[in-house]
């Protein structure tokens, strides 16, 4: 009698994902901050459109309610980021965004040349464009909130200040809308990036291709700053040096 065939036990999935091919990118707290900020900022922009565009104003009506929604969503937009500071992962990503290293300058030079080759655009967890976008939106939201308060509470400042605040508020709002359209367009062009923000995980191959200097495994065991340059990674510095020599 022949013995029964030996049963093979399938390998256990690795921590990176169901089959080890996915790695964590954003924590639940970070995704909550992003979604809540997007909702508040979206309502703020839409209500502003209803106040300034006659076609939208006629369609929506109830101008007093729209004004109230615009005022409160504008004031509340910075709140999710402030609450997110209790999250270690969120604070670590803020640190990344505030670091602008040699690889970011290489990325920007390639972007200005419209060079879309991945090897000419080295990036950590966030590329230079994402860092500039996040910094711009953060500053713009604060300026919009400040000028909006001067317009809301007319007794806070003299007329000339309120007139200047209105000018800055209106033109900065147009610039924010343009930048938001670009941000949304970039997101729709990269399904894996959207999946990372929606589920918190991305394909390991995508991470290595789009963000080659990011070390996702070190995020899990280190200090949360596994981002290549600036953290003692000699191989990453060597890679950046090669990029800069080719650019020059």
Protein backbone atom coordinates (compact mmCIF):
# COMPACT_ATOMS: atom_id res chain seq x y z
CA UNK A 1 0.00 0.00 0.00
CA UNK A 2 1.42 3.34 -1.02
CA UNK A 3 1.46 6.03 1.65
CA UNK A 4 -0.87 8.99 1.16
CA UNK A 5 0.71 12.05 -0.42
CA UNK A 6 2.27 14.43 2.03
CA UNK A 7 0.20 17.53 2.57
CA UNK A 8 2.02 20.80 2.11
CA UNK A 9 1.26 23.66 4.41
CA UNK A 10 1.00 26.99 2.56
CA UNK A 11 3.36 29.67 3.83
CA UNK A 12 1.94 32.14 6.29
CA UNK A 13 1.36 35.62 4.85
CA UNK A 14 3.87 38.27 5.84
CA UNK A 15 2.98 41.31 7.85
CA UNK A 16 3.12 43.58 4.78
CA UNK A 17 -0.27 42.42 3.55
CA UNK A 18 -2.37 39.42 2.69
CA UNK A 19 0.39 37.97 0.49
CA UNK A 20 3.25 40.16 1.64
CA UNK A 21 2.98 42.39 -1.43
CA UNK A 22 1.32 45.30 0.36
CA UNK A 23 2.94 47.63 2.88
CA UNK A 24 1.39 50.13 5.30
CA UNK A 25 1.44 53.74 4.10
CA UNK A 26 -1.08 55.72 6.15
CA UNK A 27 -2.48 55.08 9.61
CA UNK A 28 -6.23 55.30 10.40
CA UNK A 29 -5.61 58.66 12.11
CA UNK A 30 -3.89 60.06 9.01
CA UNK A 31 -6.70 58.89 6.75
CA UNK A 32 -9.27 60.45 9.10
CA UNK A 33 -7.39 63.77 9.02
CA UNK A 34 -7.26 63.69 5.22
CA UNK A 35 -10.94 62.81 4.75
CA UNK A 36 -12.23 65.28 7.31
CA UNK A 37 -10.07 68.10 5.98
CA UNK A 38 -11.15 67.28 2.41
CA UNK A 39 -14.81 67.37 3.45
CA UNK A 40 -14.52 70.70 5.27
CA UNK A 41 -12.41 72.30 2.55
CA UNK A 42 -14.74 70.99 -0.15
CA UNK A 43 -17.80 72.45 1.58
CA UNK A 44 -15.95 75.71 2.09
CA UNK A 45 -15.01 75.96 -1.60
CA UNK A 46 -18.48 74.96 -2.78
CA UNK A 47 -20.20 77.46 -0.49
CA UNK A 48 -17.79 80.14 -1.71
CA UNK A 49 -18.81 79.33 -5.27
CA UNK A 50 -22.46 79.69 -4.30
CA UNK A 51 -21.70 83.14 -2.87
CA UNK A 52 -19.68 84.43 -5.85
CA UNK A 53 -21.21 82.71 -8.90
CA UNK A 54 -24.75 83.90 -9.76
CA UNK A 55 -25.68 80.60 -11.46
CA UNK A 56 -24.83 78.58 -8.34
CA UNK A 57 -26.43 81.17 -6.06
CA UNK A 58 -29.74 80.91 -7.96
CA UNK A 59 -29.54 77.12 -7.99
CA UNK A 60 -28.92 76.74 -4.25
CA UNK A 61 -30.64 79.80 -2.78
CA UNK A 62 -30.82 80.31 1.01
CA UNK A 63 -27.87 82.70 0.98
CA UNK A 64 -27.85 83.23 4.75
CA UNK A 65 -27.45 79.48 5.33
CA UNK A 66 -24.70 79.29 2.70
CA UNK A 67 -22.85 82.15 4.39
CA UNK A 68 -23.02 80.36 7.75
CA UNK A 69 -21.74 77.09 6.23
CA UNK A 70 -18.89 78.93 4.53
CA UNK A 71 -17.85 80.74 7.69
CA UNK A 72 -17.85 77.71 9.97
CA UNK A 73 -16.25 75.27 7.52
CA UNK A 74 -13.50 77.82 6.93
CA UNK A 75 -12.83 78.18 10.65
CA UNK A 76 -12.98 74.42 11.27
CA UNK A 77 -10.76 73.34 8.37
CA UNK A 78 -7.49 73.47 10.41
CA UNK A 79 -9.04 71.52 13.32
CA UNK A 80 -8.56 67.95 11.97
CA UNK A 81 -4.82 68.55 11.50
CA UNK A 82 -4.56 69.93 15.03
CA UNK A 83 -6.38 66.89 16.43
CA UNK A 84 -4.18 64.63 14.31
CA UNK A 85 -1.12 65.78 16.24
CA UNK A 86 -1.98 63.21 18.92
CA UNK A 87 -1.02 60.52 16.37
CA UNK A 88 2.65 59.57 16.26
CA UNK A 89 2.35 58.48 12.62
CA UNK A 90 0.84 61.85 11.66
CA UNK A 91 3.59 63.75 13.44
CA UNK A 92 6.23 61.59 11.72
CA UNK A 93 4.76 62.39 8.30
CA UNK A 94 4.68 66.10 9.15
CA UNK A 95 8.41 65.80 9.90
CA UNK A 96 8.95 64.22 6.50
CA UNK A 97 7.00 66.96 4.75
CA UNK A 98 9.04 69.64 6.54
CA UNK A 99 12.34 68.09 5.37
CA UNK A 100 13.49 69.23 1.94
CA UNK A 101 16.63 67.34 0.97
CA UNK A 102 18.93 67.01 -2.06
CA UNK A 103 16.69 64.36 -3.63
CA UNK A 104 13.78 66.82 -3.56
CA UNK A 105 15.81 69.36 -5.55
CA UNK A 106 16.62 66.63 -8.08
CA UNK A 107 12.91 65.80 -8.31
CA UNK A 108 11.97 69.44 -8.87
CA UNK A 109 14.59 69.93 -11.59
CA UNK A 110 13.24 66.87 -13.38
CA UNK A 111 9.68 68.19 -13.04
CA UNK A 112 10.68 71.56 -14.50
CA UNK A 113 12.28 69.74 -17.44
CA UNK A 114 9.10 67.66 -17.77
CA UNK A 115 11.23 64.55 -17.36
CA UNK A 116 8.83 61.83 -16.25
CA UNK A 117 11.38 59.03 -16.00
CA UNK A 118 11.13 57.44 -12.57
CA UNK A 119 14.89 57.19 -12.16
CA UNK A 120 15.16 60.98 -12.52
CA UNK A 121 12.59 61.63 -9.79
CA UNK A 122 13.90 60.18 -6.52
CA UNK A 123 11.42 60.48 -3.68
CA UNK A 124 10.98 59.38 -0.11
CA UNK A 125 7.53 58.70 1.29
CA UNK A 126 6.47 62.05 -0.18
CA UNK A 127 7.93 63.55 -3.33
CA UNK A 128 8.87 67.22 -3.60
CA UNK A 129 5.59 68.12 -5.32
CA UNK A 130 3.55 66.60 -2.52
CA UNK A 131 5.63 68.44 0.08
CA UNK A 132 5.13 71.77 -1.66
CA UNK A 133 1.40 71.13 -2.05
CA UNK A 134 0.93 70.23 1.62
CA UNK A 135 2.93 73.25 2.76
CA UNK A 136 1.04 75.59 0.44
CA UNK A 137 -2.39 74.34 1.52
CA UNK A 138 -1.45 74.56 5.20
CA UNK A 139 -0.30 78.17 4.81
CA UNK A 140 -3.22 79.13 2.58
CA UNK A 141 -5.79 77.73 5.01
CA UNK A 142 -4.33 79.81 7.85
CA UNK A 143 -4.26 82.98 5.73
CA UNK A 144 -7.80 82.35 4.51
CA UNK A 145 -9.00 81.80 8.08
CA UNK A 146 -7.31 85.00 9.27
CA UNK A 147 -8.63 87.19 6.46
CA UNK A 148 -12.03 85.54 6.76
CA UNK A 149 -12.24 86.48 10.43
CA UNK A 150 -11.53 90.11 9.55
CA UNK A 151 -14.37 89.98 7.01
CA UNK A 152 -16.71 88.16 9.40
CA UNK A 153 -16.17 90.33 12.49
CA UNK A 154 -16.11 93.80 11.03
CA UNK A 155 -15.29 95.45 14.34
CA UNK A 156 -11.89 93.76 14.60
CA UNK A 157 -10.08 96.09 12.22
CA UNK A 158 -10.47 99.41 10.36
CA UNK A 159 -12.01 99.55 6.91
CA UNK A 160 -8.70 99.62 5.03
CA UNK A 161 -7.64 96.37 6.73
CA UNK A 162 -10.95 94.71 5.87
CA UNK A 163 -10.68 95.86 2.26
CA UNK A 164 -7.17 94.43 2.01
CA UNK A 165 -8.32 91.21 3.69
CA UNK A 166 -11.13 90.84 1.15
CA UNK A 167 -8.68 91.29 -1.73
CA UNK A 168 -6.27 88.69 -0.35
CA UNK A 169 -9.09 86.30 0.57
CA UNK A 170 -10.69 86.37 -2.87
CA UNK A 171 -7.54 85.98 -4.95
CA UNK A 172 -6.01 83.37 -2.67
CA UNK A 173 -9.27 81.42 -2.90
CA UNK A 174 -8.89 81.27 -6.69
CA UNK A 175 -5.32 80.04 -6.32
CA UNK A 176 -6.42 77.37 -3.80
CA UNK A 177 -9.11 76.13 -6.20
CA UNK A 178 -6.54 75.83 -9.01
CA UNK A 179 -4.14 73.89 -6.77
CA UNK A 180 -6.94 71.61 -5.52
CA UNK A 181 -7.93 70.79 -9.09
CA UNK A 182 -4.33 69.82 -9.82
CA UNK A 183 -4.19 67.70 -6.66
CA UNK A 184 -7.39 65.85 -7.53
CA UNK A 185 -6.19 65.33 -11.09
CA UNK A 186 -2.93 63.79 -9.87
CA UNK A 187 -4.87 61.52 -7.52
CA UNK A 188 -7.14 60.26 -10.30
CA UNK A 189 -4.08 59.58 -12.46
CA UNK A 190 -2.59 57.25 -9.81
CA UNK A 191 -5.06 54.56 -8.62
CA UNK A 192 -2.53 52.98 -6.26
CA UNK A 193 -1.94 56.29 -4.50
CA UNK A 194 -5.71 56.65 -4.02
CA UNK A 195 -5.90 53.09 -2.71
CA UNK A 196 -3.19 53.91 -0.20
CA UNK A 197 -5.19 56.82 1.16
CA UNK A 198 -8.41 54.79 1.14
CA UNK A 199 -7.14 51.56 2.72
CA UNK A 200 -3.83 52.61 4.29
CA UNK A 201 -1.78 50.08 2.26
CA UNK A 202 -0.04 50.11 -1.12
CA UNK A 203 1.67 47.57 -3.32
CA UNK A 204 5.32 47.07 -2.41
CA UNK A 205 6.27 47.26 -6.10
CA UNK A 206 4.51 50.64 -6.45
CA UNK A 207 6.30 51.96 -3.36
CA UNK A 208 9.68 50.88 -4.73
CA UNK A 209 8.93 52.41 -8.13
CA UNK A 210 7.24 55.68 -7.18
CA UNK A 211 9.02 56.33 -3.86
CA UNK A 212 12.37 54.51 -4.11
CA UNK A 213 13.94 56.25 -1.11
CA UNK A 214 11.09 55.35 1.24
CA UNK A 215 11.80 52.49 3.65
CA UNK A 216 8.30 51.30 4.72
CA UNK A 217 9.66 48.37 6.74
CA UNK A 218 11.66 50.77 8.91
CA UNK A 219 8.47 52.68 9.72
CA UNK A 220 7.25 49.60 11.57
CA UNK A 221 10.35 49.02 13.67
CA UNK A 222 12.17 52.34 13.79
CA UNK A 223 11.36 55.91 14.68
CA UNK A 224 8.92 56.42 11.82
CA UNK A 225 11.42 58.33 9.69
CA UNK A 226 12.49 55.59 7.27
CA UNK A 227 12.82 57.96 4.39
CA UNK A 228 16.27 57.53 2.96
CA UNK A 229 18.33 60.75 2.93
CA UNK A 230 18.84 62.54 6.17
CA UNK A 231 18.43 59.36 8.20
CA UNK A 232 21.84 57.79 7.69
CA UNK A 233 21.17 55.65 4.63
CA UNK A 234 24.41 55.63 2.69
CA UNK A 235 22.93 53.72 -0.24
CA UNK A 236 20.24 56.36 -0.68
CA UNK A 237 22.79 59.17 -0.58
CA UNK A 238 24.84 57.35 -3.22
CA UNK A 239 21.74 57.03 -5.39
CA UNK A 240 20.97 60.75 -5.09
CA UNK A 241 24.56 61.61 -5.95
CA UNK A 242 24.22 59.62 -9.13
CA UNK A 243 21.02 61.47 -10.03
CA UNK A 244 22.63 64.86 -9.47
CA UNK A 245 25.68 63.98 -11.57
CA UNK A 246 23.41 62.96 -14.45
CA UNK A 247 21.38 66.17 -14.13
CA UNK A 248 24.50 68.33 -14.24
